[in-house]
Every structure is written in C-alpha cells, then in structure tokens.
Amino acid sequence: METTEFSTGGDAPACEAISQAAGTSGPIRVAEGANGDAEGANGEVGGATGPGRADRLARVAIMRMAEAGDAVMSRLIARFGPVGAMEQARRGVLDSDFAREEKERAEASRRHLDLGRHAAAWAARYTDPAGDLEQGMRRGARLVVPGDVEWPTQLDDLGQARPFGLWVDGQANLRFSCLRSVSVVGARAATAYGTTVAAEFAMSLGGRGWTVISGGAYGIDGAAHRGALASGTPTVVVLACGTDVCYPSAHEDLFGAVRRQGVVISEWPPGAHPTRLRFLIRNRVIAALSRGTVVVQAAARSGALNTATHAWGLNRHLMAVPGPITTEVSAGCHVLIRQGKAVCVTSAEEIVELVGSIGDDLAPEQRGPVRPRDGLNDETRRVLEAIPARGATGPAVIAVAAGVDIGTALACLGALAAAGFVENVDRGWRLRPAARG
C-alpha cells in the first residue's frame, strides 16, 4: 500500500496500545473484507458480540484526535477500518490514493484542504487510548460504538457525519430509550411561557412513554429535562463536552438526576470542554436520535434553528410552537412555520400524532365550546335570530324577518319555547334572559 507521509515531529511507536490489544507486536495490518468493511488485526468486524477491543481502543483514540463530525476521518475509517485509520492518523501517514481522492474532492467542491496540517493536528492530539478508556469508566461512563447492541442505529442516517463513538453515562439503555423519542429544543434566554410549555410538553410526552432528548442548556433544554424527569421516564442529555464536565455548572443536580433516570452522552472524550463550534456540531446528534424535533422558542438566528436544520435535512418530523409576534424569542419558530418546514403544534397530543404510529396516536380534534343553539336546524335558528334582543314581537313579524311562512314560524317558536329559548308574553314572543347574547 503506497502512503503519503506528513511530518508529525514525533518518534513514538505508532499504535502501541492498539497493537498490544490486538495481540500483535508490530503495526496492525488492515485488510478489506468481502463487504468492503475493514477488519482489525483480530479479524473481527463487529459481529454479534460487537467490535473487538482493538477497534474500540482505536475509536477511543480517534475521538481524541479528530474533532466530532470530521468527514475526512469518517471516510478514512470507512476505507481502512478504525484500527487502520488510527494508525495512519497517529503516524501522520495517509494512503496515497486516499490523499489524492481527498484533494480531488476538495478541488471539485472549491474547498481548501491542507491534508498535511490535518494529519499533523490528528497526530498532535494522540494520547494513550487505554488511559482514556480507563478514565471514562472510572468516572462512570461507558463507551458505545457502531456495532454495539446499545448503539442507536438511527445515527447511521448522518452518513459521514456519524459519531465515531459515544460516551454514555447513566442507568438507562441509550438505544431503547431513543426508539420512541422526541427532541425538545429552544432558546437559553427563554420566557416563562416558553419554559412552561417545554416542561408541560415533556411531562406529557413522558407520561405517554416517549423519551425527551435535549442539550442540557439553560432555558428550554433544562425545562424539558425537568418535565421528563417529573414523568418518571428516561431523558437524554447530549453534551458538547466530556460527560464528566458539568456545563452549565448550575445543572450539576439536574445532570445527576438524569444519570439516575436516563443518560448523559457525548462524542468528546473525558475532560473535554465545550466550545461554540462543538455546540453546533452536537446538534446533529440531537436531531438524528429522535423521530422528530420540537422547537419551543428560538430567535431568528439561534442554535435551536441549527438543530431544526439538521432535523429537516434528515427527513425527521419538525415542529414549532407559536408565540406572540411581538416576542423576538419566538421569531425563529414563526419563520419555520411560514416556510412550511415545521408543523405548528400546541400540545403533546399533536406531537405524538405526528411522530407516532399512523392511526393509533391521533390527537383529539380541537373544538370550540358547545352551545345549546348549536343543535338547532337552519329554519329554527333563523327564527330564533329574528326575535329582537329587547322587547317582544308578533309571529307574523318574526316570520317575515326569518324568511319563512307563518306556519313554520309558529312551529319553530313552539319548539324554541319548549327548549327554553323563548317565551310568549302579552306583546308577543321574546327571548328568555339566558338565550340572549
């Protein structure tokens, strides 16, 4: 295999920990299997028992070296498998054919790509994957990677943006929790109206057996998680930092409750701190994990709209909650509805109708208050409307005003009297007080 080498400035043996895990003394050889997937040195592709230890350690190392959502690394893994990709990235050595294809891809899309700097950045961030794995487990997290039983396969819809793996901290099973799930997102600077709606939606969804997924931030996210916890069902927090880093720090108690009842997950290794870009990157996971995304409140430019964009691109159901047109924090929701991207929802029942089973999860039809006169036929209603609101009048006048003959008018007046709408007095027919207005 021809390779293209980029200087990394290091001389440590490549992939030593991975080589030891695979039971080899030298570099791990990578071969493509019949299905095009790369096999590790132990020959496992991730069958019924899931990926082997070498693949798992390789993914741990990659999650430290490459930023989440790195499409170049994703294609490298798809081509050479986790172990082969990690070995090339650790050494700063990329297969020449792969490097050429990446340059051609970048040129075709008019995108600048410096593979040398890319590979050097990967190599510079390499750390012992066994140490990362031990640290994560010591702090209560477990590693879930593609091929594991707990891996949510809907994340595969992300294609080249699929996470390399997930750190999961909590009592619930991630995959089972996300089978029937809804993402509830919105503004950090939410109003009392927004947080109330988010909490009530989440509690009602949880009561119907639906898991609520959000980002654990202030405002709508926190309200949604608290509402879900109140219902007694799991909730999933998707972080933009390591699972052992509490951000925001004021949500330490909230995250503790989530770990006991649901799960806290992250693509970033233990100790990683959040950045502005990482918040945007993690939003694709929030959108992909659930059947649909509800935007409760969002400004015209916000992270919640970024999540909505991912949901729209993944063909997930997208919903938005309307708010006052004078409130800037609802402007983004109104844009989504006006553009036809989001369905307007005002209750948890309407959400479940959209994301649930066709015909089984129908929301009750919204109706106005039922009034006694709603059951009257057209002729009787016209006769009733012809009676003046004040005073009394004779049946002939009523018949003319209602556009019916005198016989029909008298019959209708008798029926209205029996129903308590009108009464006959000395001066003619008049409305009873209860029938006015």
Protein backbone atom coordinates (compact mmCIF):
# COMPACT_ATOMS: atom_id res chain seq x y z
CA MET A 1 0.00 0.00 0.00
CA GLU A 2 1.53 3.29 -1.04
CA THR A 3 1.38 6.01 1.56
CA THR A 4 1.71 9.75 1.74
CA GLU A 5 3.61 10.83 4.85
CA PHE A 6 3.21 14.11 6.71
CA SER A 7 5.77 15.00 9.35
CA THR A 8 4.38 14.95 12.88
CA GLY A 9 7.56 15.70 14.79
CA GLY A 10 7.15 12.60 16.94
CA ASP A 11 9.05 9.30 17.02
CA ALA A 12 6.90 7.27 19.43
CA PRO A 13 5.93 3.81 18.17
CA ALA A 14 2.64 4.07 16.36
CA CYS A 15 -0.43 2.39 17.78
CA GLU A 16 1.45 0.60 20.56
CA ALA A 17 -1.63 0.29 22.75
CA ILE A 18 -3.76 -0.86 19.84
CA SER A 19 -1.13 -3.36 18.73
CA GLN A 20 -1.00 -4.86 22.20
CA ALA A 21 -4.78 -5.05 22.39
CA ALA A 22 -4.85 -6.89 19.07
CA GLY A 23 -2.19 -9.33 20.25
CA THR A 24 0.48 -8.23 17.77
CA SER A 25 3.98 -6.94 18.38
CA GLY A 26 4.21 -4.68 15.35
CA PRO A 27 1.96 -2.38 13.38
CA ILE A 28 -1.53 -3.69 12.76
CA ARG A 29 -2.28 -4.77 9.24
CA VAL A 30 -5.59 -3.75 7.76
CA ALA A 31 -7.41 -5.75 5.11
CA GLU A 32 -10.74 -5.18 3.49
CA GLY A 33 -13.33 -7.88 4.00
CA ALA A 34 -15.76 -9.14 1.42
CA ASN A 35 -18.33 -6.50 2.38
CA GLY A 36 -15.87 -3.65 1.97
CA ASP A 37 -15.53 -3.08 5.72
CA ALA A 38 -12.05 -3.11 7.16
CA GLU A 39 -11.13 -5.79 9.63
CA GLY A 40 -8.92 -5.29 12.64
CA ALA A 41 -5.90 -7.45 13.39
CA ASN A 42 -8.08 -9.78 15.39
CA GLY A 43 -10.20 -10.37 12.29
CA GLU A 44 -13.37 -9.03 13.89
CA VAL A 45 -15.66 -6.69 12.02
CA GLY A 46 -18.14 -6.35 14.84
CA GLY A 47 -20.43 -9.35 14.69
CA ALA A 48 -22.92 -10.49 17.29
CA THR A 49 -20.51 -9.64 20.10
CA GLY A 50 -19.76 -6.16 18.75
CA PRO A 51 -16.40 -4.68 17.79
CA GLY A 52 -13.24 -6.18 19.24
CA ARG A 53 -11.04 -4.47 21.81
CA ALA A 54 -8.58 -3.25 19.16
CA ASP A 55 -11.35 -1.48 17.25
CA ARG A 56 -12.74 0.00 20.44
CA LEU A 57 -9.37 1.37 21.53
CA ALA A 58 -8.81 2.74 18.03
CA ARG A 59 -12.11 4.62 18.17
CA VAL A 60 -11.23 5.97 21.62
CA ALA A 61 -8.00 7.34 20.18
CA ILE A 62 -9.80 8.78 17.14
CA MET A 63 -12.37 10.51 19.36
CA ARG A 64 -9.44 12.31 21.00
CA MET A 65 -7.52 13.07 17.78
CA ALA A 66 -10.27 14.09 15.36
CA GLU A 67 -12.98 16.62 16.05
CA ALA A 68 -16.50 15.19 16.06
CA GLY A 69 -18.08 15.23 12.61
CA ASP A 70 -14.71 15.24 10.81
CA ALA A 71 -15.74 13.95 7.36
CA VAL A 72 -12.15 13.19 6.29
CA MET A 73 -11.62 10.93 9.28
CA SER A 74 -15.01 9.33 8.69
CA ARG A 75 -14.02 8.44 5.14
CA LEU A 76 -10.65 7.18 6.36
CA ILE A 77 -12.41 4.83 8.80
CA ALA A 78 -14.80 3.65 6.10
CA ARG A 79 -11.84 2.88 3.84
CA PHE A 80 -9.41 1.27 6.26
CA GLY A 81 -11.37 0.48 9.40
CA PRO A 82 -10.90 2.09 12.83
CA VAL A 83 -7.52 0.49 13.50
CA GLY A 84 -6.07 1.31 10.10
CA ALA A 85 -7.39 4.86 10.22
CA MET A 86 -5.98 5.38 13.71
CA GLU A 87 -2.58 4.01 12.64
CA GLN A 88 -2.35 6.36 9.67
CA ALA A 89 -3.53 9.37 11.70
CA ARG A 90 -1.17 8.60 14.58
CA ARG A 91 1.83 8.39 12.27
CA GLY A 92 0.79 11.28 10.07
CA VAL A 93 0.82 8.80 7.18
CA LEU A 94 -2.11 8.68 4.76
CA ASP A 95 -2.58 6.25 1.92
CA SER A 96 -1.55 8.00 -1.31
CA ASP A 97 -4.71 7.02 -3.19
CA PHE A 98 -6.85 8.24 -0.34
CA ALA A 99 -4.93 11.52 -0.13
CA ARG A 100 -5.28 12.08 -3.87
CA GLU A 101 -9.03 11.40 -3.74
CA GLU A 102 -9.46 13.84 -0.86
CA LYS A 103 -7.59 16.57 -2.73
CA GLU A 104 -9.71 15.97 -5.83
CA ARG A 105 -12.86 16.04 -3.73
CA ALA A 106 -11.83 19.35 -2.16
CA GLU A 107 -10.96 20.89 -5.52
CA ALA A 108 -14.26 19.77 -7.03
CA SER A 109 -16.16 21.50 -4.24
CA ARG A 110 -13.83 24.53 -4.35
CA ARG A 111 -12.88 23.89 -0.76
CA HIS A 112 -9.39 24.40 0.61
CA LEU A 113 -7.95 21.31 2.28
CA ASP A 114 -4.42 21.06 3.65
CA LEU A 115 -4.09 17.34 4.39
CA GLY A 116 -0.65 17.86 5.85
CA ARG A 117 -1.93 20.20 8.55
CA HIS A 118 -4.97 17.98 9.02
CA ALA A 119 -2.89 14.88 9.68
CA ALA A 120 -0.45 16.82 11.88
CA ALA A 121 -3.34 18.04 14.02
CA TRP A 122 -4.56 14.47 14.43
CA ALA A 123 -1.13 13.21 15.44
CA ALA A 124 -0.54 16.07 17.89
CA ARG A 125 -3.70 15.18 19.82
CA TYR A 126 -2.93 11.49 20.18
CA THR A 127 -2.98 10.11 23.72
CA ASP A 128 -2.99 6.61 25.13
CA PRO A 129 -6.49 5.27 24.34
CA ALA A 130 -6.34 2.76 27.16
CA GLY A 131 -5.91 5.65 29.58
CA ASP A 132 -8.90 7.46 28.13
CA LEU A 133 -11.00 4.30 28.33
CA GLU A 134 -9.98 3.68 31.93
CA GLN A 135 -10.61 7.32 32.89
CA GLY A 136 -14.05 7.31 31.30
CA MET A 137 -15.06 4.09 33.03
CA ARG A 138 -13.66 5.28 36.35
CA ARG A 139 -15.92 8.34 36.11
CA GLY A 140 -18.99 6.22 35.41
CA ALA A 141 -19.18 6.37 31.62
CA ARG A 142 -19.23 3.51 29.15
CA LEU A 143 -18.16 3.55 25.51
CA VAL A 144 -20.79 2.74 22.89
CA VAL A 145 -19.59 2.40 19.29
CA PRO A 146 -21.18 1.37 15.97
CA GLY A 147 -21.82 -2.36 16.08
CA ASP A 148 -22.65 -2.44 19.80
CA VAL A 149 -26.08 -3.62 20.87
CA GLU A 150 -26.67 -0.28 22.60
CA TRP A 151 -25.73 1.79 19.53
CA PRO A 152 -28.76 3.75 18.18
CA THR A 153 -28.76 2.78 14.50
CA GLN A 154 -30.69 5.92 13.53
CA LEU A 155 -27.39 7.78 13.95
CA ASP A 156 -26.23 5.99 10.81
CA ASP A 157 -28.51 8.36 8.87
CA LEU A 158 -25.84 11.01 9.46
CA GLY A 159 -23.59 9.24 6.95
CA GLN A 160 -20.08 10.67 7.03
CA ALA A 161 -21.09 12.89 9.96
CA ARG A 162 -21.94 9.88 12.14
CA PRO A 163 -20.23 9.96 15.54
CA PHE A 164 -17.09 7.85 15.85
CA GLY A 165 -18.48 6.66 19.17
CA LEU A 166 -20.37 7.89 22.21
CA TRP A 167 -19.53 8.12 25.88
CA VAL A 168 -22.69 7.19 27.79
CA ASP A 169 -23.18 7.91 31.50
CA GLY A 170 -26.43 6.80 33.13
CA GLN A 171 -28.70 3.95 34.10
CA ALA A 172 -30.92 3.79 31.01
CA ASN A 173 -30.19 1.92 27.79
CA LEU A 174 -29.43 4.51 25.11
CA ARG A 175 -30.80 2.57 22.16
CA PHE A 176 -34.04 1.51 23.84
CA SER A 177 -34.58 4.99 25.24
CA CYS A 178 -34.35 6.54 21.78
CA LEU A 179 -36.68 4.13 19.98
CA ARG A 180 -39.66 6.35 20.88
CA SER A 181 -38.17 9.76 21.42
CA VAL A 182 -38.73 13.43 20.67
CA SER A 183 -36.15 16.23 20.78
CA VAL A 184 -37.34 19.38 22.54
CA VAL A 185 -35.06 22.37 21.94
CA GLY A 186 -35.18 26.13 22.22
CA ALA A 187 -33.67 29.34 23.44
CA ARG A 188 -31.46 29.66 26.50
CA ALA A 189 -32.98 33.07 27.24
CA ALA A 190 -36.48 31.61 27.23
CA THR A 191 -39.53 33.36 28.62
CA ALA A 192 -41.76 31.98 31.37
CA TYR A 193 -44.21 30.99 28.63
CA GLY A 194 -41.52 29.01 26.81
CA THR A 195 -40.22 27.12 29.84
CA THR A 196 -43.76 26.31 30.96
CA VAL A 197 -44.66 24.92 27.54
CA ALA A 198 -41.43 22.90 27.32
CA ALA A 199 -41.91 21.37 30.78
CA GLU A 200 -45.57 20.55 30.18
CA PHE A 201 -44.84 19.03 26.76
CA ALA A 202 -42.02 16.91 28.17
CA MET A 203 -44.02 15.71 31.16
CA SER A 204 -46.97 14.81 28.94
CA LEU A 205 -44.73 13.06 26.40
CA GLY A 206 -43.05 11.12 29.19
CA GLY A 207 -46.44 10.09 30.54
CA ARG A 208 -47.18 8.58 27.12
CA GLY A 209 -43.92 6.61 27.12
CA TRP A 210 -41.84 8.95 24.96
CA THR A 211 -38.25 9.85 25.82
CA VAL A 212 -37.29 13.53 25.65
CA ILE A 213 -33.89 14.44 24.18
CA SER A 214 -32.25 17.84 24.54
CA GLY A 215 -28.93 19.58 25.09
CA GLY A 216 -28.97 20.24 28.83
CA ALA A 217 -28.62 24.02 28.46
CA TYR A 218 -30.40 26.77 30.33
CA GLY A 219 -33.92 27.74 29.32
CA ILE A 220 -35.94 25.38 27.14
CA ASP A 221 -33.49 22.46 27.37
CA GLY A 222 -33.42 22.41 31.15
CA ALA A 223 -37.19 22.80 31.42
CA ALA A 224 -37.70 19.88 29.01
CA HIS A 225 -35.39 17.60 31.01
CA ARG A 226 -37.10 18.51 34.28
CA GLY A 227 -40.53 17.86 32.81
CA ALA A 228 -39.40 14.45 31.56
CA LEU A 229 -37.90 13.57 34.96
CA ALA A 230 -41.17 14.51 36.63
CA SER A 231 -42.97 11.96 34.43
CA GLY A 232 -40.68 9.16 35.61
CA THR A 233 -39.39 8.28 32.13
CA PRO A 234 -35.80 8.44 30.81
CA THR A 235 -34.42 11.61 29.28
CA VAL A 236 -31.23 12.01 27.23
CA VAL A 237 -28.80 14.93 27.60
CA VAL A 238 -26.47 15.42 24.61
CA LEU A 239 -23.41 17.39 25.76
CA ALA A 240 -20.85 19.44 23.83
CA CYS A 241 -18.14 18.45 26.33
CA GLY A 242 -16.98 15.36 28.16
CA THR A 243 -19.59 13.53 30.22
CA ASP A 244 -17.50 14.28 33.31
CA VAL A 245 -17.62 18.05 32.67
CA CYS A 246 -20.70 19.80 34.04
CA TYR A 247 -21.72 22.57 31.67
CA PRO A 248 -23.54 24.66 32.61
CA SER A 249 -22.22 24.22 36.16
CA ALA A 250 -25.58 25.18 37.69
CA HIS A 251 -27.09 22.00 36.20
CA GLU A 252 -24.99 19.62 38.29
CA ASP A 253 -28.02 18.41 40.26
CA LEU A 254 -30.10 18.14 37.08
CA PHE A 255 -27.48 16.01 35.33
CA GLY A 256 -27.20 13.84 38.43
CA ALA A 257 -30.94 13.18 38.30
CA VAL A 258 -30.72 12.45 34.58
CA ARG A 259 -27.95 9.88 35.18
CA ARG A 260 -30.16 8.07 37.68
CA GLN A 261 -33.19 8.01 35.38
CA GLY A 262 -31.78 8.44 31.87
CA VAL A 263 -28.39 9.03 30.25
CA VAL A 264 -25.89 11.82 29.60
CA ILE A 265 -23.98 11.28 26.34
CA SER A 266 -21.11 12.93 24.47
CA GLU A 267 -18.89 12.45 21.42
CA TRP A 268 -15.98 14.12 23.21
CA PRO A 269 -13.51 12.32 25.48
CA PRO A 270 -13.31 12.73 29.25
CA GLY A 271 -12.19 16.18 30.32
CA ALA A 272 -13.06 17.89 27.03
CA HIS A 273 -14.52 21.37 27.46
CA PRO A 274 -17.26 22.93 25.32
CA THR A 275 -16.67 25.43 22.55
CA ARG A 276 -19.06 27.44 20.41
CA LEU A 277 -18.41 25.16 17.42
CA ARG A 278 -18.96 22.00 19.47
CA PHE A 279 -22.44 23.14 20.44
CA LEU A 280 -23.33 23.41 16.77
CA ILE A 281 -21.71 20.07 15.93
CA ARG A 282 -23.57 18.16 18.66
CA ASN A 283 -26.94 19.49 17.41
CA ARG A 284 -26.91 16.97 14.55
CA VAL A 285 -26.92 14.15 17.12
CA ILE A 286 -29.92 15.64 18.94
CA ALA A 287 -31.79 15.76 15.64
CA ALA A 288 -30.75 12.29 14.46
CA LEU A 289 -31.51 10.40 17.69
CA SER A 290 -35.23 11.22 17.75
CA ARG A 291 -38.22 10.74 15.47
CA GLY A 292 -38.91 14.46 15.49
CA THR A 293 -37.75 17.80 16.85
CA VAL A 294 -39.94 20.40 18.55
CA VAL A 295 -38.65 23.98 18.61
CA VAL A 296 -40.40 25.69 21.52
CA GLN A 297 -38.75 29.10 21.31
CA ALA A 298 -35.96 30.32 19.05
CA ALA A 299 -34.69 33.65 17.82
CA ALA A 300 -34.28 34.26 14.10
CA ARG A 301 -30.63 33.20 14.49
CA SER A 302 -30.04 30.54 17.14
CA GLY A 303 -28.65 27.12 17.93
CA ALA A 304 -32.17 25.73 18.10
CA LEU A 305 -32.68 26.62 14.43
CA ASN A 306 -29.40 24.85 13.68
CA THR A 307 -30.87 21.70 15.23
CA ALA A 308 -34.04 22.26 13.21
CA THR A 309 -31.97 22.47 10.02
CA HIS A 310 -30.37 19.10 10.80
CA ALA A 311 -33.78 17.55 11.51
CA TRP A 312 -35.13 18.91 8.22
CA GLY A 313 -32.13 17.55 6.32
CA LEU A 314 -32.54 14.12 7.93
CA ASN A 315 -36.24 13.97 6.97
CA ARG A 316 -37.24 13.92 10.63
CA HIS A 317 -40.54 15.47 11.67
CA LEU A 318 -40.02 19.14 12.50
CA MET A 319 -42.45 21.02 14.73
CA ALA A 320 -42.60 24.53 16.16
CA VAL A 321 -44.61 26.20 18.91
CA PRO A 322 -46.15 29.57 18.05
CA GLY A 323 -45.68 32.55 20.34
CA PRO A 324 -46.54 36.25 20.47
CA ILE A 325 -45.49 38.03 17.28
CA THR A 326 -44.04 40.79 19.46
CA THR A 327 -41.60 38.39 21.14
CA GLU A 328 -38.21 38.13 19.43
CA VAL A 329 -37.52 34.76 21.01
CA SER A 330 -40.40 33.21 19.02
CA ALA A 331 -39.40 34.74 15.67
CA GLY A 332 -37.48 31.62 14.60
CA CYS A 333 -40.48 29.39 15.24
CA HIS A 334 -42.68 31.63 13.12
CA VAL A 335 -40.13 31.54 10.28
CA LEU A 336 -40.11 27.72 10.30
CA ILE A 337 -43.90 27.60 10.20
CA ARG A 338 -44.17 30.25 7.48
CA GLN A 339 -41.60 28.47 5.31
CA GLY A 340 -43.58 25.25 5.59
CA LYS A 341 -40.68 23.39 7.20
CA ALA A 342 -42.29 22.95 10.61
CA VAL A 343 -45.76 21.88 11.67
CA CYS A 344 -47.42 24.12 14.23
CA VAL A 345 -48.05 22.18 17.45
CA THR A 346 -49.79 23.33 20.62
CA SER A 347 -49.98 20.13 22.68
CA ALA A 348 -48.16 16.88 23.35
CA GLU A 349 -51.04 15.03 21.70
CA GLU A 350 -50.35 16.83 18.44
CA ILE A 351 -46.65 15.94 18.69
CA VAL A 352 -47.38 12.26 19.26
CA GLU A 353 -49.86 12.23 16.37
CA LEU A 354 -47.08 13.37 14.07
CA VAL A 355 -44.24 11.13 15.27
CA GLY A 356 -46.30 8.15 16.46
CA SER A 357 -47.95 5.26 14.66
CA ILE A 358 -50.33 6.19 11.87
CA GLY A 359 -53.92 5.78 13.03
CA ASP A 360 -53.00 4.81 16.60
CA ASP A 361 -51.78 8.11 18.03
CA LEU A 362 -54.35 10.58 16.73
CA ALA A 363 -54.73 13.81 18.65
CA PRO A 364 -58.28 14.82 19.63
CA GLU A 365 -59.76 17.39 17.28
CA GLN A 366 -59.74 20.86 18.77
CA ARG A 367 -63.26 22.28 19.07
CA GLY A 368 -64.75 25.43 20.50
CA PRO A 369 -67.26 25.41 23.37
CA VAL A 370 -70.56 23.65 22.61
CA ARG A 371 -73.58 25.98 22.92
CA PRO A 372 -77.25 24.99 23.24
CA ARG A 373 -78.22 26.61 19.95
CA ASP A 374 -75.59 24.53 18.04
CA GLY A 375 -78.14 21.69 17.75
CA LEU A 376 -80.87 23.76 16.06
CA ASN A 377 -81.69 23.25 12.39
CA ASP A 378 -81.39 26.13 9.92
CA GLU A 379 -85.06 27.22 9.95
CA THR A 380 -85.31 27.20 13.73
CA ARG A 381 -82.01 29.09 14.04
CA ARG A 382 -83.28 31.77 11.62
CA VAL A 383 -86.49 32.16 13.61
CA LEU A 384 -84.51 32.50 16.82
CA GLU A 385 -82.24 35.13 15.25
CA ALA A 386 -85.34 37.07 14.04
CA ILE A 387 -86.59 37.66 17.58
CA PRO A 388 -85.35 41.06 18.81
CA ALA A 389 -82.84 41.12 21.66
CA ARG A 390 -85.04 43.54 23.61
CA GLY A 391 -88.83 43.61 23.80
CA ALA A 392 -91.35 41.28 22.17
CA THR A 393 -92.88 40.95 18.69
CA GLY A 394 -95.63 39.00 16.97
CA PRO A 395 -95.21 35.79 14.97
CA ALA A 396 -96.02 37.49 11.63
CA VAL A 397 -93.16 39.94 12.03
CA ILE A 398 -90.86 37.12 13.07
CA ALA A 399 -91.86 35.03 10.04
CA VAL A 400 -91.08 37.88 7.64
CA ALA A 401 -87.72 38.59 9.27
CA ALA A 402 -86.80 34.90 9.23
CA GLY A 403 -87.93 34.35 5.63
CA VAL A 404 -90.39 31.56 6.46
CA ASP A 405 -94.18 31.20 6.32
CA ILE A 406 -96.32 31.85 9.38
CA GLY A 407 -96.99 28.14 9.98
CA THR A 408 -93.28 27.32 10.04
CA ALA A 409 -92.62 30.29 12.30
CA LEU A 410 -95.24 29.16 14.82
CA ALA A 411 -93.91 25.58 14.79
CA CYS A 412 -90.37 26.81 15.36
CA LEU A 413 -91.48 29.18 18.13
CA GLY A 414 -93.20 26.30 19.90
CA ALA A 415 -90.06 24.19 19.70
CA LEU A 416 -87.90 27.08 20.92
CA ALA A 417 -90.26 27.69 23.84
CA ALA A 418 -90.10 24.03 24.82
CA ALA A 419 -86.30 24.20 24.73
CA GLY A 420 -86.24 27.29 26.94
CA PHE A 421 -85.01 29.79 24.34
CA VAL A 422 -88.15 31.98 24.08
CA GLU A 423 -91.39 32.71 25.92
CA ASN A 424 -94.81 34.01 24.87
CA VAL A 425 -95.97 37.19 26.64
CA ASP A 426 -98.85 39.66 26.16
CA ARG A 427 -96.97 41.65 23.49
CA GLY A 428 -95.79 38.57 21.53
CA TRP A 429 -92.66 36.44 21.63
CA ARG A 430 -89.42 37.42 23.36
CA LEU A 431 -86.07 35.86 24.24
CA ARG A 432 -85.54 34.39 27.67
CA PRO A 433 -82.68 36.11 29.52
CA ALA A 434 -80.47 33.00 29.31
CA ALA A 435 -80.77 32.93 25.49
CA ARG A 436 -79.61 36.50 24.94
CA GLY A 437 -76.10 37.29 23.70
